[in-house]
């Protein structure tokens, strides 16, 4: 369950980042009119938020994949 939730958070962050990045780049690079400055600033903030959410989900996914096994170092010879 935890893996599915972290994957969903990661994908939401990825979609938000890709969508806002496309909005920022669509004007100058894809032949559309340049968006107003306030919209570009808002999209940049959403882009940064998406990167943070993506990193949070990826970090949780990596942590969930480790399992419950722990290695305890000792000086005992086996």
N, C-alpha and C. Protein backbone atom coordinates (compact mmCIF):
# COMPACT_ATOMS: atom_id res chain seq x y z
N UNK A 1 0.83 -1.20 0.00
CA UNK A 1 0.00 0.00 0.00
C UNK A 1 0.87 1.26 0.00
N UNK A 2 1.92 1.22 0.80
CA UNK A 2 2.78 2.40 0.89
C UNK A 2 3.50 2.67 -0.43
N UNK A 3 3.84 1.61 -1.14
CA UNK A 3 4.51 1.76 -2.42
C UNK A 3 3.57 2.40 -3.44
N UNK A 4 2.30 2.02 -3.41
CA UNK A 4 1.34 2.58 -4.36
C UNK A 4 1.11 4.07 -4.08
N UNK A 5 1.03 4.44 -2.82
CA UNK A 5 0.82 5.84 -2.47
C UNK A 5 2.02 6.69 -2.88
N UNK A 6 3.22 6.22 -2.61
CA UNK A 6 4.40 6.99 -2.99
C UNK A 6 4.55 7.08 -4.51
N UNK A 7 4.16 6.04 -5.22
CA UNK A 7 4.18 6.09 -6.68
C UNK A 7 3.16 7.11 -7.20
N UNK A 8 1.99 7.16 -6.59
CA UNK A 8 0.98 8.13 -7.00
C UNK A 8 1.45 9.56 -6.73
N UNK A 9 2.07 9.80 -5.58
CA UNK A 9 2.59 11.14 -5.28
C UNK A 9 3.68 11.52 -6.26
N UNK A 10 4.55 10.57 -6.59
CA UNK A 10 5.62 10.81 -7.54
C UNK A 10 5.06 11.16 -8.92
N UNK A 11 4.06 10.43 -9.36
CA UNK A 11 3.47 10.69 -10.68
C UNK A 11 2.72 12.01 -10.72
N UNK A 12 2.06 12.37 -9.62
CA UNK A 12 1.39 13.68 -9.56
C UNK A 12 2.41 14.80 -9.69
N UNK A 13 3.52 14.68 -8.98
CA UNK A 13 4.58 15.67 -9.09
C UNK A 13 5.15 15.75 -10.49
N UNK A 14 5.31 14.60 -11.13
CA UNK A 14 5.84 14.57 -12.49
C UNK A 14 4.88 15.24 -13.47
N UNK A 15 3.59 14.97 -13.34
CA UNK A 15 2.60 15.57 -14.24
C UNK A 15 2.52 17.09 -14.03
N UNK A 16 2.53 17.52 -12.76
CA UNK A 16 2.49 18.95 -12.47
C UNK A 16 3.72 19.65 -13.03
N UNK A 17 4.88 19.04 -12.85
CA UNK A 17 6.12 19.63 -13.36
C UNK A 17 6.12 19.69 -14.88
N UNK A 18 5.72 18.62 -15.52
CA UNK A 18 5.70 18.60 -16.99
C UNK A 18 4.67 19.58 -17.55
N UNK A 19 3.51 19.66 -16.91
CA UNK A 19 2.47 20.58 -17.39
C UNK A 19 2.86 22.03 -17.25
N UNK A 20 3.40 22.40 -16.11
CA UNK A 20 3.79 23.80 -15.92
C UNK A 20 5.02 24.14 -16.76
N UNK A 21 5.93 23.18 -16.92
CA UNK A 21 7.08 23.42 -17.79
C UNK A 21 6.66 23.62 -19.24
N UNK A 22 5.68 22.85 -19.68
CA UNK A 22 5.17 23.04 -21.05
C UNK A 22 4.53 24.41 -21.20
N UNK A 23 3.80 24.85 -20.16
CA UNK A 23 3.15 26.16 -20.24
C UNK A 23 4.18 27.28 -20.33
N UNK A 24 5.26 27.14 -19.58
CA UNK A 24 6.31 28.16 -19.61
C UNK A 24 7.00 28.17 -20.97
N UNK A 25 7.27 27.00 -21.53
CA UNK A 25 8.04 26.91 -22.77
C UNK A 25 7.20 27.02 -24.03
N UNK A 26 5.87 26.95 -23.93
CA UNK A 26 5.06 26.90 -25.15
C UNK A 26 5.12 28.18 -25.96
N UNK A 27 5.25 29.32 -25.31
CA UNK A 27 5.27 30.58 -26.04
C UNK A 27 6.49 30.72 -26.94
N UNK A 28 7.67 30.80 -26.35
CA UNK A 28 8.84 31.07 -27.18
C UNK A 28 9.29 29.90 -28.05
N UNK A 29 9.02 28.67 -27.64
CA UNK A 29 9.59 27.53 -28.35
C UNK A 29 8.61 26.80 -29.26
N UNK A 30 7.31 26.95 -29.05
CA UNK A 30 6.35 26.22 -29.87
C UNK A 30 5.49 27.12 -30.74
N UNK A 31 5.84 28.39 -30.87
CA UNK A 31 5.17 29.28 -31.79
C UNK A 31 3.90 29.92 -31.29
N UNK A 32 3.57 29.83 -30.01
CA UNK A 32 2.40 30.49 -29.46
C UNK A 32 2.81 31.86 -28.94
N UNK A 33 1.83 32.66 -28.58
CA UNK A 33 2.12 33.96 -28.00
C UNK A 33 2.71 33.76 -26.60
N UNK A 34 3.58 34.67 -26.21
CA UNK A 34 4.19 34.58 -24.88
C UNK A 34 3.12 34.88 -23.83
N UNK A 35 3.00 34.01 -22.81
CA UNK A 35 2.01 34.25 -21.76
C UNK A 35 2.34 35.51 -20.96
N UNK A 36 1.34 36.08 -20.28
CA UNK A 36 1.61 37.26 -19.46
C UNK A 36 2.63 36.95 -18.35
N UNK A 37 3.30 37.98 -17.89
CA UNK A 37 4.36 37.81 -16.91
C UNK A 37 3.85 37.19 -15.60
N UNK A 38 2.68 37.59 -15.16
CA UNK A 38 2.13 37.03 -13.92
C UNK A 38 1.86 35.53 -14.07
N UNK A 39 1.42 35.12 -15.22
CA UNK A 39 1.18 33.69 -15.46
C UNK A 39 2.48 32.90 -15.51
N UNK A 40 3.51 33.48 -16.09
CA UNK A 40 4.80 32.81 -16.13
C UNK A 40 5.36 32.66 -14.72
N UNK A 41 5.21 33.69 -13.90
CA UNK A 41 5.68 33.62 -12.52
C UNK A 41 4.92 32.56 -11.73
N UNK A 42 3.61 32.50 -11.91
CA UNK A 42 2.81 31.48 -11.23
C UNK A 42 3.19 30.08 -11.71
N UNK A 43 3.39 29.92 -13.01
CA UNK A 43 3.77 28.61 -13.55
C UNK A 43 5.16 28.19 -13.06
N UNK A 44 6.04 29.15 -12.85
CA UNK A 44 7.36 28.83 -12.31
C UNK A 44 7.24 28.34 -10.87
N UNK A 45 6.38 28.97 -10.08
CA UNK A 45 6.15 28.51 -8.71
C UNK A 45 5.54 27.12 -8.68
N UNK A 46 4.60 26.86 -9.58
CA UNK A 46 3.98 25.53 -9.67
C UNK A 46 5.01 24.50 -10.12
N UNK A 47 5.91 24.90 -11.02
CA UNK A 47 6.98 24.02 -11.47
C UNK A 47 7.87 23.60 -10.31
N UNK A 48 8.27 24.55 -9.49
CA UNK A 48 9.11 24.25 -8.32
C UNK A 48 8.34 23.36 -7.33
N UNK A 49 7.06 23.65 -7.12
CA UNK A 49 6.24 22.82 -6.24
C UNK A 49 6.15 21.38 -6.78
N UNK A 50 6.00 21.23 -8.09
CA UNK A 50 5.94 19.90 -8.70
C UNK A 50 7.23 19.13 -8.53
N UNK A 51 8.37 19.82 -8.62
CA UNK A 51 9.65 19.16 -8.41
C UNK A 51 9.77 18.68 -6.97
N UNK A 52 9.32 19.49 -6.03
CA UNK A 52 9.37 19.10 -4.61
C UNK A 52 8.48 17.89 -4.36
N UNK A 53 7.26 17.90 -4.90
CA UNK A 53 6.34 16.77 -4.72
C UNK A 53 6.91 15.51 -5.38
N UNK A 54 7.50 15.65 -6.56
CA UNK A 54 8.11 14.51 -7.24
C UNK A 54 9.25 13.93 -6.40
N UNK A 55 10.09 14.79 -5.86
CA UNK A 55 11.19 14.32 -5.01
C UNK A 55 10.70 13.65 -3.75
N UNK A 56 9.64 14.18 -3.17
CA UNK A 56 9.06 13.60 -1.97
C UNK A 56 8.52 12.19 -2.26
N UNK A 57 7.80 12.05 -3.37
CA UNK A 57 7.27 10.74 -3.75
C UNK A 57 8.38 9.75 -4.09
N UNK A 58 9.42 10.23 -4.78
CA UNK A 58 10.53 9.35 -5.14
C UNK A 58 11.28 8.90 -3.89
N UNK A 59 11.50 9.81 -2.97
CA UNK A 59 12.16 9.46 -1.72
C UNK A 59 11.35 8.43 -0.93
N UNK A 60 10.04 8.62 -0.88
CA UNK A 60 9.18 7.65 -0.18
C UNK A 60 9.18 6.30 -0.87
N UNK A 61 9.21 6.31 -2.18
CA UNK A 61 9.23 5.06 -2.94
C UNK A 61 10.52 4.29 -2.68
N UNK A 62 11.64 4.99 -2.66
CA UNK A 62 12.92 4.34 -2.38
C UNK A 62 12.91 3.78 -0.96
N UNK A 63 12.39 4.56 -0.02
CA UNK A 63 12.34 4.11 1.38
C UNK A 63 11.40 2.92 1.54
N UNK A 64 10.28 2.90 0.82
CA UNK A 64 9.33 1.79 0.93
C UNK A 64 9.89 0.51 0.33
N UNK A 65 10.79 0.61 -0.62
CA UNK A 65 11.34 -0.56 -1.27
C UNK A 65 12.43 -1.26 -0.50
N UNK A 66 12.88 -0.67 0.57
CA UNK A 66 13.98 -1.26 1.33
C UNK A 66 13.56 -2.45 2.17
N UNK A 67 12.31 -2.55 2.54
CA UNK A 67 11.87 -3.67 3.35
C UNK A 67 12.11 -3.42 4.83
N UNK A 68 11.97 -4.47 5.62
CA UNK A 68 12.11 -4.33 7.06
C UNK A 68 13.38 -4.97 7.60
N UNK A 69 14.22 -5.49 6.74
CA UNK A 69 15.45 -6.12 7.19
C UNK A 69 16.45 -5.07 7.64
N UNK A 70 17.12 -5.35 8.75
CA UNK A 70 18.15 -4.45 9.24
C UNK A 70 19.45 -5.21 9.40
N UNK A 71 20.51 -4.58 9.08
CA UNK A 71 21.83 -5.17 9.25
C UNK A 71 22.45 -4.52 10.49
N UNK A 72 22.83 -5.37 11.45
CA UNK A 72 23.45 -4.86 12.67
C UNK A 72 24.91 -5.31 12.65
N UNK A 73 25.82 -4.36 12.51
CA UNK A 73 27.22 -4.77 12.49
C UNK A 73 27.70 -5.24 13.86
N UNK A 74 28.54 -6.22 13.87
CA UNK A 74 29.10 -6.72 15.13
C UNK A 74 30.53 -7.16 14.89
N UNK A 75 31.24 -7.41 15.95
CA UNK A 75 32.62 -7.84 15.86
C UNK A 75 32.75 -9.36 15.91
N UNK A 76 31.65 -10.07 15.91
CA UNK A 76 31.68 -11.53 15.99
C UNK A 76 32.16 -12.14 14.68
N UNK A 77 32.99 -13.14 14.78
CA UNK A 77 33.41 -13.87 13.59
C UNK A 77 32.42 -14.99 13.34
N UNK A 78 32.01 -15.11 12.11
CA UNK A 78 31.01 -16.13 11.78
C UNK A 78 31.69 -17.29 11.09
